Amino acid sequence: MTTLQSVPALGTHPASGSLPSRAETRDQLSKATYDLLVIGGGILGISTAWHAAQSGLRVALVDAGDFAGATSSASSKLLHGGLRYLQTGAVKLVAENHFERRAVSRQVAPHLANPLTFYLPVYKGGPHGAAKLGAGVFAYSALSAFGDGVGHLLSPAKAAQDVPELRTDNLKAVAVYGDDQMNDARMALMTVRAAVAAGATVLNHAEVTGLRFTRGRVTGAELKDRTSGDEFGVTARLVLNATGPWVDHLRKMEDPNAAPSIRLSKGAHLVLKRTSPWKAALATPIDKYRITFALPWEDMLLLGTTDEEYEGDPGRVEVTEKDTAQILDEAAFSIRDQQLSRDLITYSFAGLRVLPGGPGDTSKAKRETVVTEGRGGMLSVAGGKWTTFRHIGRTVMKKLEQLPGHPLGEDYEPVSTLPKRLPLPGIANPNAVAHRLLVDGPAPGPRMAADTAKHLATHYGSLSFEIARMANENPDLARRIHPDAPEIWAQVAYARDHEWAETADDVLRRRTTLTIRGLATDEVRAGVESMLRK
């Protein structure tokens, strides 16, 4: 039961240092001529905009929905080397993934990523033997220079101590390795902030209704602000189509005869309440190629994922009863029944992987980035994986730099000269931030709760102090949004004033964890909507 007496009174004045209004941003976008217009606010487009702005280019980024509103906030929340790629012999790829994973989790965003131990159970009659998996996790850790420990085998009894819900019947051994996890929506949002700090102009909820052409070349886009209905346009020397599952839709705006370039694979996930503490994640082989994950995440348990070809409307992707049954059935290979009760499900979500066009099973397709140039000179980019988002941004920039005729000009810094590990905003040791938040509470009045301090530290880093300051100045903002979640009302005001939140879903689904916890009640939603209007 929510104890939501009233929405905190904030007045109507924007916070100090808050974002320009949408009207001001539309005006800026329509009057300037940009070097690069990035259409698509998923992590691929965001990363490209970030690197382009670092290079000194004038960059605009727009998205029809919210930043990371689709595929990029529907991942398995992992930064990983790709253990399954080893069996295809992609040793170099795994090593490159590990390099990027460690750079993000150690130097770029240690406040947004955390190490996670994985247990890979080996059951009698399973698709892989203990010796093979033991050798595999050793090789996997070696490709990471043993930075996460040495991959090894563990006894079933020891594994069950760390994961009490582990099914031990016919369990022969458990292989152990290390990777990292994150909150993908928060990571994407911090990368948007980094792009803006580097000079990019961004606007979410701005739908492309058409492309601009000059002598047959794409030189911008016509847009409609979905929040106000206002129509405006953006002119740019080069347009990058980074719309993910919608990439071919935009390519047809450029050329109605453009052939399909991608195919889509749906990945569904379930979020459940946990029945016991989990000190490690489970990665359970289903067959020779597929693994199903059970991940402790945001105080919950994340299960998934599926992998099947999808041919419907990308905007209507959803978790079906078939998906739910498949995820629970596959999880049951290694998890006890009591943890898999449908009554524990708080949320489900599905995203679309963008894969290169062509035949074959989607589960065996490479997660590679595809870059194509259209008849009107628009570049379209799709695919890739979360772990290598910085690498993909650099790769796309290199492609832009090498285009014939140099449409970007030459008065900018090549991406090869940029800092290799530029950190995201808020970089800090999250444990130190949480400690400070607990110690530095207001002199009169209650201190911040420990779970709130930890939540802020691991989702905002040092920017948590800005939220704490708001809560200290207005005690109403220090109240929890829902009694069963760590979030406080100051986060909603902060999302509105500093993080481009326009709708309740922007706040509840992507800037906080209330939706995934099953706590986005009608009362909470009404309170958030009221605050967003102030």
Protein backbone atom coordinates (compact mmCIF):
# COMPACT_ATOMS: atom_id res chain seq x y z
CA MET A 1 0.00 0.00 0.00
CA THR A 2 1.51 3.32 -1.05
CA THR A 3 1.67 6.08 1.54
CA LEU A 4 1.61 8.89 -0.97
CA GLN A 5 0.02 11.76 0.90
CA SER A 6 0.78 14.43 -1.67
CA VAL A 7 3.23 15.40 -4.34
CA PRO A 8 6.06 17.53 -2.90
CA ALA A 9 5.55 21.24 -3.43
CA LEU A 10 8.35 22.50 -5.65
CA GLY A 11 6.97 25.67 -7.13
CA THR A 12 7.22 26.30 -10.85
CA HIS A 13 10.74 27.69 -11.08
CA PRO A 14 13.26 25.42 -12.78
CA ALA A 15 16.16 24.21 -10.70
CA SER A 16 19.49 25.96 -10.90
CA GLY A 17 21.51 24.67 -13.85
CA SER A 18 18.51 22.88 -15.30
CA LEU A 19 18.09 21.99 -18.96
CA PRO A 20 16.87 24.48 -21.58
CA SER A 21 13.14 24.18 -22.29
CA ARG A 22 11.94 22.04 -25.17
CA ALA A 23 10.90 25.20 -27.01
CA GLU A 24 14.41 26.62 -26.62
CA THR A 25 15.93 23.36 -27.84
CA ARG A 26 13.60 23.21 -30.86
CA ASP A 27 14.52 26.79 -31.69
CA GLN A 28 18.22 25.99 -31.45
CA LEU A 29 17.86 22.87 -33.60
CA SER A 30 15.89 24.68 -36.30
CA LYS A 31 18.20 27.70 -36.59
CA ALA A 32 21.63 26.06 -36.60
CA THR A 33 23.32 24.07 -39.35
CA TYR A 34 24.82 20.93 -37.85
CA ASP A 35 27.76 18.90 -39.03
CA LEU A 36 26.04 15.69 -37.99
CA LEU A 37 22.41 14.85 -37.23
CA VAL A 38 22.05 11.52 -35.42
CA ILE A 39 18.54 10.09 -35.67
CA GLY A 40 18.05 7.49 -32.96
CA GLY A 41 18.69 7.80 -29.23
CA GLY A 42 19.64 4.22 -28.47
CA ILE A 43 23.13 3.56 -27.16
CA LEU A 44 24.59 3.26 -30.68
CA GLY A 45 23.40 6.71 -31.70
CA ILE A 46 24.22 8.17 -28.29
CA SER A 47 27.78 6.84 -28.36
CA THR A 48 28.33 8.17 -31.88
CA ALA A 49 27.00 11.60 -30.88
CA TRP A 50 29.26 11.58 -27.82
CA HIS A 51 32.38 10.82 -29.85
CA ALA A 52 31.42 13.25 -32.62
CA ALA A 53 30.91 16.06 -30.10
CA GLN A 54 34.26 15.24 -28.50
CA SER A 55 35.80 15.67 -31.94
CA GLY A 56 34.55 19.27 -32.06
CA LEU A 57 31.72 18.65 -34.52
CA ARG A 58 28.38 20.43 -34.15
CA VAL A 59 26.10 17.49 -33.34
CA ALA A 60 22.34 17.08 -32.94
CA LEU A 61 20.66 13.92 -31.62
CA VAL A 62 16.92 13.24 -31.78
CA ASP A 63 14.69 10.28 -30.97
CA ALA A 64 10.99 9.64 -31.56
CA GLY A 65 10.69 8.22 -28.05
CA ASP A 66 12.85 8.47 -24.96
CA PHE A 67 16.59 8.00 -24.86
CA ALA A 68 17.23 4.24 -24.63
CA GLY A 69 13.46 3.86 -24.76
CA ALA A 70 13.41 0.63 -26.76
CA THR A 71 16.14 -1.94 -27.41
CA SER A 72 18.83 -0.22 -25.35
CA SER A 73 16.84 -0.52 -22.10
CA ALA A 74 15.64 -4.06 -22.86
CA SER A 75 18.96 -5.88 -22.67
CA SER A 76 20.16 -8.55 -20.24
CA LYS A 77 21.97 -5.74 -18.35
CA LEU A 78 25.37 -7.34 -18.93
CA LEU A 79 28.80 -6.05 -19.83
CA HIS A 80 30.43 -9.29 -20.89
CA GLY A 81 33.12 -10.81 -23.03
CA GLY A 82 30.78 -13.31 -24.66
CA LEU A 83 31.63 -16.72 -23.29
CA ARG A 84 29.60 -18.52 -25.97
CA TYR A 85 31.72 -16.94 -28.72
CA LEU A 86 34.68 -19.10 -27.64
CA GLN A 87 33.10 -22.24 -29.05
CA THR A 88 32.95 -20.61 -32.49
CA GLY A 89 36.65 -19.81 -32.27
CA ALA A 90 36.15 -16.04 -32.00
CA VAL A 91 39.06 -15.62 -29.58
CA LYS A 92 40.00 -12.14 -30.81
CA LEU A 93 36.40 -10.95 -30.47
CA VAL A 94 36.20 -12.18 -26.86
CA ALA A 95 39.49 -10.48 -26.01
CA GLU A 96 38.26 -7.19 -27.54
CA ASN A 97 34.96 -7.48 -25.65
CA HIS A 98 36.83 -8.07 -22.40
CA PHE A 99 38.98 -4.99 -23.02
CA GLU A 100 35.92 -2.81 -23.51
CA ARG A 101 34.08 -4.40 -20.59
CA ARG A 102 36.94 -3.73 -18.21
CA ALA A 103 37.47 -0.20 -19.50
CA VAL A 104 33.81 0.67 -18.89
CA SER A 105 33.51 -1.01 -15.51
CA ARG A 106 36.88 0.12 -14.15
CA GLN A 107 37.71 3.51 -15.70
CA VAL A 108 34.74 4.94 -17.63
CA ALA A 109 31.77 4.15 -15.38
CA PRO A 110 32.69 2.27 -12.18
CA HIS A 111 29.74 4.03 -10.54
CA LEU A 112 27.29 2.44 -12.99
CA ALA A 113 28.73 -1.07 -13.38
CA ASN A 114 29.52 -3.76 -10.86
CA PRO A 115 31.39 -7.07 -11.03
CA LEU A 116 29.28 -10.21 -10.98
CA THR A 117 30.35 -13.80 -10.40
CA PHE A 118 28.73 -16.34 -12.71
CA TYR A 119 28.08 -20.00 -11.93
CA LEU A 120 27.71 -22.29 -14.93
CA PRO A 121 26.10 -25.52 -13.65
CA VAL A 122 27.08 -28.84 -15.21
CA TYR A 123 24.29 -31.41 -14.95
CA LYS A 124 24.37 -35.09 -15.77
CA GLY A 125 23.22 -35.47 -19.36
CA GLY A 126 23.69 -31.75 -20.09
CA PRO A 127 24.96 -30.34 -23.41
CA HIS A 128 28.51 -29.81 -22.10
CA GLY A 129 30.82 -31.77 -19.80
CA ALA A 130 32.63 -30.45 -16.73
CA ALA A 131 36.08 -30.74 -18.32
CA LYS A 132 35.04 -28.76 -21.38
CA LEU A 133 33.38 -26.00 -19.36
CA GLY A 134 36.25 -25.88 -16.89
CA ALA A 135 38.69 -25.36 -19.73
CA GLY A 136 36.33 -22.83 -21.30
CA VAL A 137 36.02 -20.60 -18.25
CA PHE A 138 39.79 -20.79 -17.70
CA ALA A 139 40.41 -19.63 -21.28
CA TYR A 140 37.73 -16.97 -20.88
CA SER A 141 39.39 -15.54 -17.77
CA ALA A 142 42.80 -15.75 -19.43
CA LEU A 143 41.53 -13.55 -22.28
CA SER A 144 40.64 -11.01 -19.59
CA ALA A 145 44.21 -11.27 -18.22
CA PHE A 146 42.71 -12.95 -15.14
CA GLY A 147 41.50 -9.54 -14.00
CA ASP A 148 38.34 -11.13 -12.55
CA GLY A 149 40.09 -14.14 -11.06
CA VAL A 150 40.87 -17.50 -12.60
CA GLY A 151 37.99 -19.42 -14.12
CA HIS A 152 37.65 -22.72 -12.28
CA LEU A 153 35.32 -25.51 -11.14
CA LEU A 154 33.43 -25.40 -7.85
CA SER A 155 31.69 -28.11 -5.86
CA PRO A 156 27.88 -28.19 -5.96
CA ALA A 157 27.75 -27.83 -2.16
CA LYS A 158 29.76 -24.58 -2.18
CA ALA A 159 27.73 -23.16 -5.07
CA ALA A 160 24.48 -23.92 -3.25
CA GLN A 161 25.68 -21.87 -0.27
CA ASP A 162 25.96 -18.79 -2.51
CA VAL A 163 22.79 -19.54 -4.51
CA PRO A 164 20.35 -21.35 -2.19
CA GLU A 165 17.81 -21.71 -5.01
CA LEU A 166 20.27 -23.69 -7.15
CA ARG A 167 18.86 -27.07 -8.17
CA THR A 168 21.41 -29.67 -7.01
CA ASP A 169 19.79 -32.87 -8.33
CA ASN A 170 22.22 -34.49 -10.82
CA LEU A 171 24.53 -31.47 -10.47
CA LYS A 172 28.07 -32.70 -11.19
CA ALA A 173 30.07 -29.46 -10.92
CA VAL A 174 29.85 -25.70 -11.34
CA ALA A 175 32.17 -23.67 -13.57
CA VAL A 176 32.95 -20.15 -12.32
CA TYR A 177 33.81 -17.01 -14.24
CA GLY A 178 33.47 -13.23 -13.87
CA ASP A 179 31.75 -10.49 -15.90
CA ASP A 180 29.96 -7.22 -15.08
CA GLN A 181 26.39 -5.93 -15.03
CA MET A 182 24.71 -2.52 -15.16
CA ASN A 183 21.42 -0.68 -15.34
CA ASP A 184 21.37 -0.14 -19.11
CA ALA A 185 18.94 2.79 -19.06
CA ARG A 186 21.07 4.69 -16.53
CA MET A 187 24.27 3.96 -18.47
CA ALA A 188 22.67 5.29 -21.64
CA LEU A 189 21.38 8.40 -19.91
CA MET A 190 24.80 9.21 -18.47
CA THR A 191 26.26 8.85 -21.96
CA VAL A 192 23.67 11.36 -23.24
CA ARG A 193 24.82 13.71 -20.49
CA ALA A 194 28.42 13.19 -21.60
CA ALA A 195 27.48 14.03 -25.20
CA VAL A 196 25.72 17.23 -24.08
CA ALA A 197 28.69 18.15 -21.88
CA ALA A 198 30.84 17.81 -25.02
CA GLY A 199 28.54 20.20 -26.92
CA ALA A 200 25.80 18.06 -28.49
CA THR A 201 22.20 19.30 -28.72
CA VAL A 202 19.67 16.57 -27.90
CA LEU A 203 15.89 16.17 -27.92
CA ASN A 204 13.82 13.11 -27.11
CA HIS A 205 10.16 12.55 -28.07
CA ALA A 206 10.90 14.20 -31.43
CA GLU A 207 9.72 12.08 -34.36
CA VAL A 208 11.18 12.30 -37.85
CA THR A 209 8.32 12.82 -40.30
CA GLY A 210 10.47 13.26 -43.41
CA LEU A 211 13.99 13.88 -44.68
CA ARG A 212 15.39 17.06 -46.18
CA PHE A 213 17.12 16.82 -49.56
CA THR A 214 19.48 19.18 -51.36
CA ARG A 215 20.30 18.22 -54.96
CA GLY A 216 19.44 14.61 -54.21
CA ARG A 217 21.43 14.35 -50.98
CA VAL A 218 19.96 14.00 -47.51
CA THR A 219 20.70 17.24 -45.64
CA GLY A 220 18.48 17.08 -42.60
CA ALA A 221 15.09 16.02 -41.31
CA GLU A 222 11.60 17.31 -40.62
CA LEU A 223 10.42 16.59 -37.09
CA LYS A 224 7.39 16.73 -34.85
CA ASP A 225 7.60 17.28 -31.10
CA ARG A 226 5.41 14.50 -29.72
CA THR A 227 4.83 16.37 -26.45
CA SER A 228 3.54 19.61 -27.96
CA GLY A 229 2.71 18.82 -31.58
CA ASP A 230 5.09 21.55 -32.81
CA GLU A 231 6.77 20.87 -36.14
CA PHE A 232 10.31 21.95 -36.95
CA GLY A 233 13.31 20.92 -39.00
CA VAL A 234 17.04 20.31 -38.62
CA THR A 235 19.64 20.97 -41.31
CA ALA A 236 22.88 18.99 -41.29
CA ARG A 237 25.81 18.27 -43.57
CA LEU A 238 25.51 14.56 -42.81
CA VAL A 239 22.66 12.46 -41.40
CA LEU A 240 23.21 9.23 -39.50
CA ASN A 241 20.34 6.76 -39.25
CA ALA A 242 20.81 4.93 -35.93
CA THR A 243 17.20 3.95 -35.35
CA GLY A 244 17.85 0.30 -34.51
CA PRO A 245 14.82 -1.87 -35.40
CA TRP A 246 13.42 1.04 -37.44
CA VAL A 247 16.58 1.49 -39.54
CA ASP A 248 14.98 0.20 -42.75
CA HIS A 249 11.91 2.39 -42.18
CA LEU A 250 14.13 5.47 -42.35
CA ARG A 251 16.13 4.06 -45.27
CA LYS A 252 12.87 3.88 -47.24
CA MET A 253 12.31 7.59 -46.54
CA GLU A 254 15.61 8.14 -48.33
CA ASP A 255 14.93 5.60 -51.09
CA PRO A 256 11.51 3.93 -51.41
CA ASN A 257 13.21 1.07 -53.26
CA ALA A 258 15.81 0.35 -50.57
CA ALA A 259 16.10 -3.39 -49.92
CA PRO A 260 15.91 -4.73 -46.35
CA SER A 261 19.31 -4.64 -44.62
CA ILE A 262 18.56 -6.22 -41.26
CA ARG A 263 16.48 -8.83 -39.50
CA LEU A 264 15.21 -8.76 -35.95
CA SER A 265 15.44 -11.21 -33.09
CA LYS A 266 13.21 -10.85 -30.03
CA GLY A 267 14.71 -11.27 -26.58
CA ALA A 268 12.23 -11.47 -23.69
CA HIS A 269 13.00 -11.23 -19.97
CA LEU A 270 11.14 -11.65 -16.69
CA VAL A 271 11.79 -9.81 -13.42
CA LEU A 272 10.89 -11.61 -10.18
CA LYS A 273 11.07 -10.97 -6.48
CA ARG A 274 13.82 -13.04 -4.88
CA THR A 275 13.00 -15.72 -2.30
CA SER A 276 16.56 -15.75 -0.91
CA PRO A 277 19.85 -13.84 -1.30
CA TRP A 278 21.87 -14.53 -4.44
CA LYS A 279 25.63 -14.00 -4.25
CA ALA A 280 26.22 -15.11 -7.83
CA ALA A 281 24.40 -15.32 -11.16
CA LEU A 282 23.55 -18.51 -13.01
CA ALA A 283 24.38 -19.08 -16.69
CA THR A 284 22.76 -22.39 -17.61
CA PRO A 285 23.43 -24.08 -20.98
CA ILE A 286 20.17 -24.99 -22.70
CA ASP A 287 21.70 -26.54 -25.79
CA LYS A 288 24.97 -26.36 -27.69
CA TYR A 289 24.58 -22.64 -28.47
CA ARG A 290 22.11 -21.08 -26.03
CA ILE A 291 22.49 -20.08 -22.39
CA THR A 292 19.74 -18.86 -20.09
CA PHE A 293 20.62 -16.37 -17.36
CA ALA A 294 19.36 -15.89 -13.83
CA LEU A 295 20.83 -12.58 -12.64
CA PRO A 296 20.54 -10.86 -9.27
CA TRP A 297 19.77 -7.30 -10.39
CA GLU A 298 18.31 -4.25 -8.61
CA ASP A 299 17.37 -6.38 -5.56
CA MET A 300 15.33 -8.58 -7.92
CA LEU A 301 15.99 -11.63 -10.11
CA LEU A 302 16.23 -11.20 -13.89
CA LEU A 303 15.54 -14.25 -16.04
CA GLY A 304 16.06 -14.69 -19.77
CA THR A 305 16.47 -14.48 -22.57
CA THR A 306 14.64 -15.84 -25.61
CA ASP A 307 16.01 -15.62 -29.14
CA GLU A 308 13.58 -15.92 -32.03
CA GLU A 309 13.08 -14.12 -35.31
CA TYR A 310 10.62 -11.22 -35.16
CA GLU A 311 8.79 -9.84 -38.19
CA GLY A 312 6.13 -7.62 -36.61
CA ASP A 313 5.96 -3.91 -35.86
CA PRO A 314 9.02 -3.00 -33.71
CA GLY A 315 6.83 -0.64 -31.72
CA ARG A 316 4.55 -3.48 -30.66
CA VAL A 317 7.07 -6.01 -29.38
CA GLU A 318 5.89 -7.58 -26.13
CA VAL A 319 6.32 -10.60 -23.88
CA THR A 320 3.82 -13.30 -24.78
CA GLU A 321 2.54 -16.21 -22.70
CA LYS A 322 4.76 -18.45 -24.83
CA ASP A 323 7.81 -16.34 -23.91
CA THR A 324 6.96 -16.46 -20.20
CA ALA A 325 6.49 -20.22 -20.26
CA GLN A 326 9.75 -20.73 -22.16
CA ILE A 327 11.78 -18.55 -19.79
CA LEU A 328 10.38 -20.26 -16.68
CA ASP A 329 10.80 -23.74 -18.20
CA GLU A 330 14.42 -23.08 -19.13
CA ALA A 331 15.17 -21.50 -15.76
CA ALA A 332 13.81 -24.65 -14.10
CA PHE A 333 16.84 -26.60 -15.37
CA SER A 334 18.89 -25.03 -12.60
CA ILE A 335 16.50 -23.16 -10.25
CA ARG A 336 14.14 -24.57 -7.64
CA ASP A 337 10.41 -24.30 -8.27
CA GLN A 338 9.65 -21.98 -5.34
CA GLN A 339 11.74 -19.21 -6.96
CA LEU A 340 9.89 -19.63 -10.25
CA SER A 341 6.34 -19.03 -9.05
CA ARG A 342 4.42 -16.76 -11.41
CA ASP A 343 3.22 -14.86 -8.33
CA LEU A 344 6.78 -13.53 -7.95
CA ILE A 345 6.85 -11.90 -11.41
CA THR A 346 6.81 -8.10 -11.08
CA TYR A 347 7.60 -7.10 -14.65
CA SER A 348 8.43 -8.46 -18.09
CA PHE A 349 10.03 -6.78 -21.09
CA ALA A 350 11.17 -7.63 -24.59
CA GLY A 351 13.69 -6.01 -26.90
CA LEU A 352 14.77 -6.53 -30.49
CA ARG A 353 18.29 -7.46 -31.46
CA VAL A 354 19.26 -5.98 -34.80
CA LEU A 355 21.13 -8.58 -36.85
CA PRO A 356 22.64 -8.52 -40.35
CA GLY A 357 20.16 -9.61 -43.00
CA GLY A 358 20.46 -13.16 -44.26
CA PRO A 359 19.44 -16.77 -43.62
CA GLY A 360 20.12 -18.94 -40.60
CA ASP A 361 19.18 -19.29 -36.95
CA THR A 362 19.16 -15.93 -35.14
CA SER A 363 20.74 -17.50 -32.06
CA LYS A 364 23.86 -18.28 -34.14
CA ALA A 365 24.05 -14.92 -35.91
CA LYS A 366 26.94 -12.60 -35.12
CA ARG A 367 26.14 -9.48 -33.11
CA GLU A 368 28.08 -7.28 -35.50
CA THR A 369 27.61 -3.67 -36.53
CA VAL A 370 26.40 -3.05 -40.08
CA VAL A 371 27.05 0.31 -41.78
CA THR A 372 25.46 1.13 -45.15
CA GLU A 373 25.37 4.28 -47.28
CA GLY A 374 22.14 5.11 -49.06
CA ARG A 375 21.44 6.70 -52.43
CA GLY A 376 21.06 10.12 -50.81
CA GLY A 377 24.28 9.87 -48.79
CA MET A 378 22.59 9.03 -45.49
CA LEU A 379 24.60 6.59 -43.44
CA SER A 380 22.65 3.85 -41.66
CA VAL A 381 24.18 1.91 -38.80
CA ALA A 382 22.66 -0.96 -36.85
CA GLY A 383 23.57 -3.91 -34.67
CA GLY A 384 26.38 -4.42 -32.22
CA LYS A 385 26.17 -5.09 -28.51
CA TRP A 386 26.05 -3.04 -25.31
CA THR A 387 29.47 -4.07 -24.04
CA THR A 388 31.27 -2.44 -26.96
CA PHE A 389 29.19 0.76 -27.15
CA ARG A 390 32.25 3.01 -26.97
CA HIS A 391 34.07 0.99 -29.62
CA ILE A 392 31.03 1.16 -31.91
CA GLY A 393 30.89 4.96 -31.51
CA ARG A 394 34.55 5.22 -32.50
CA THR A 395 34.09 2.80 -35.41
CA VAL A 396 31.18 4.80 -36.84
CA MET A 397 33.16 8.03 -36.49
CA LYS A 398 36.08 6.51 -38.39
CA LYS A 399 33.66 5.53 -41.15
CA LEU A 400 32.29 9.09 -41.28
CA GLU A 401 35.81 10.51 -41.46
CA GLN A 402 36.64 8.30 -44.45
CA LEU A 403 33.60 9.17 -46.58
CA PRO A 404 34.42 10.40 -50.10
CA GLY A 405 34.29 14.15 -50.39
CA HIS A 406 34.70 14.60 -46.63
CA PRO A 407 31.12 15.82 -45.95
CA LEU A 408 32.06 16.57 -42.33
CA GLY A 409 34.83 18.88 -43.47
CA GLU A 410 38.29 18.62 -41.96
CA ASP A 411 38.18 21.14 -39.12
CA TYR A 412 37.77 18.70 -36.24
CA GLU A 413 39.76 16.25 -34.16
CA PRO A 414 39.98 12.74 -35.65
CA VAL A 415 38.50 10.14 -33.33
CA SER A 416 41.89 8.43 -33.11
CA THR A 417 43.26 11.43 -31.18
CA LEU A 418 40.49 11.49 -28.56
CA PRO A 419 41.03 10.29 -24.97
CA LYS A 420 40.63 6.52 -24.88
CA ARG A 421 38.90 6.22 -21.51
CA LEU A 422 37.01 9.47 -20.98
CA PRO A 423 34.77 8.87 -17.93
CA LEU A 424 31.03 9.35 -17.83
CA PRO A 425 29.52 12.06 -15.59
CA GLY A 426 29.36 11.25 -11.89
CA ILE A 427 32.41 8.97 -11.90
CA ALA A 428 33.27 8.08 -8.32
CA ASN A 429 33.69 5.11 -6.02
CA PRO A 430 30.06 4.25 -5.25
CA ASN A 431 30.91 2.89 -1.79
CA ALA A 432 32.55 6.20 -0.88
CA VAL A 433 29.58 8.15 -2.25
CA ALA A 434 27.11 6.05 -0.24
CA HIS A 435 29.18 6.60 2.90
CA ARG A 436 29.20 10.36 2.36
CA LEU A 437 25.45 10.43 1.76
CA LEU A 438 24.86 8.64 5.07
CA VAL A 439 27.28 10.87 7.01
CA ASP A 440 26.40 14.23 5.44
CA GLY A 441 22.66 14.29 6.11
CA PRO A 442 20.93 17.46 7.32
CA ALA A 443 21.78 18.46 10.87
CA PRO A 444 18.14 18.63 11.96
CA GLY A 445 15.98 15.84 10.69
CA PRO A 446 16.50 12.20 9.76
CA ARG A 447 19.49 10.92 7.86
CA MET A 448 19.17 9.23 4.50
CA ALA A 449 18.24 5.55 4.63
CA ALA A 450 21.05 3.13 3.81
CA ASP A 451 19.23 1.54 0.86
CA THR A 452 18.52 4.97 -0.64
CA ALA A 453 22.15 6.02 -0.24
CA LYS A 454 23.36 2.85 -1.95
CA HIS A 455 20.81 3.23 -4.74
CA LEU A 456 21.77 6.83 -5.47
CA ALA A 457 25.49 6.05 -5.38
CA THR A 458 25.19 3.20 -7.90
CA HIS A 459 22.86 5.05 -10.29
CA TYR A 460 24.23 8.61 -10.22
CA GLY A 461 27.72 8.41 -8.71
CA SER A 462 28.87 11.78 -7.40
CA LEU A 463 25.82 13.43 -8.96
CA SER A 464 23.97 11.88 -5.99
CA PHE A 465 25.08 14.88 -3.95
CA GLU A 466 22.94 17.15 -6.14
CA ILE A 467 19.91 14.99 -5.38
CA ALA A 468 20.77 14.89 -1.68
CA ARG A 469 21.04 18.68 -1.65
CA MET A 470 17.54 18.98 -3.10
CA ALA A 471 16.23 16.57 -0.45
CA ASN A 472 17.98 18.48 2.34
CA GLU A 473 16.50 21.78 1.21
CA ASN A 474 12.97 20.38 0.85
CA PRO A 475 12.14 17.56 3.30
CA ASP A 476 9.18 16.54 1.13
CA LEU A 477 11.64 15.55 -1.58
CA ALA A 478 13.44 13.26 0.87
CA ARG A 479 10.36 11.05 1.17
CA ARG A 480 10.24 7.70 -0.58
CA ILE A 481 8.14 7.53 -3.72
CA HIS A 482 6.93 4.08 -2.62
CA PRO A 483 7.64 2.53 0.80
CA ASP A 484 9.03 -0.67 -0.80
CA ALA A 485 11.57 1.05 -3.07
CA PRO A 486 14.71 3.09 -2.28
CA GLU A 487 13.86 5.98 -4.63
CA ILE A 488 12.94 9.40 -3.23
CA TRP A 489 10.90 12.24 -4.75
CA ALA A 490 14.02 14.33 -5.35
CA GLN A 491 14.90 11.89 -8.13
CA VAL A 492 11.71 12.74 -10.00
CA ALA A 493 12.44 16.47 -9.79
CA TYR A 494 16.02 15.78 -10.86
CA ALA A 495 14.86 13.63 -13.80
CA ARG A 496 12.56 16.45 -14.91
CA ASP A 497 15.10 19.26 -14.58
CA HIS A 498 18.35 17.51 -15.56
CA GLU A 499 17.58 14.24 -17.35
CA TRP A 500 15.00 15.05 -20.07
CA ALA A 501 12.14 13.13 -18.41
CA GLU A 502 8.87 14.08 -20.09
CA THR A 503 6.51 11.22 -19.26
CA ALA A 504 5.77 9.05 -16.24
CA ASP A 505 7.31 6.05 -18.05
CA ASP A 506 10.50 8.03 -18.65
CA VAL A 507 10.80 8.34 -14.87
CA LEU A 508 9.33 5.07 -13.64
CA ARG A 509 10.79 2.72 -16.25
CA ARG A 510 14.16 4.26 -17.14
CA ARG A 511 15.30 6.84 -14.57
CA THR A 512 14.21 4.83 -11.55
CA THR A 513 13.48 1.16 -10.84
CA LEU A 514 9.86 1.50 -9.70
CA THR A 515 8.34 -0.17 -12.78
CA ILE A 516 10.62 -3.19 -12.78
CA ARG A 517 9.87 -3.71 -9.07
CA GLY A 518 6.14 -3.75 -9.84
CA LEU A 519 5.61 -0.56 -7.82
CA ALA A 520 4.44 1.88 -10.51
CA THR A 521 0.95 2.02 -9.00
CA ASP A 522 -1.74 4.37 -10.25
CA GLU A 523 -1.10 6.58 -7.23
CA VAL A 524 2.65 6.71 -7.82
CA ARG A 525 2.13 7.36 -11.53
CA ALA A 526 -0.29 10.21 -10.81
CA GLY A 527 2.19 11.76 -8.39
CA VAL A 528 5.02 11.57 -10.92
CA GLU A 529 2.86 13.05 -13.68
CA SER A 530 1.87 15.92 -11.38
CA MET A 531 5.50 16.70 -10.59
CA LEU A 532 6.50 16.57 -14.25
CA ARG A 533 3.91 19.26 -15.02
CA LYS A 534 5.31 21.70 -12.47
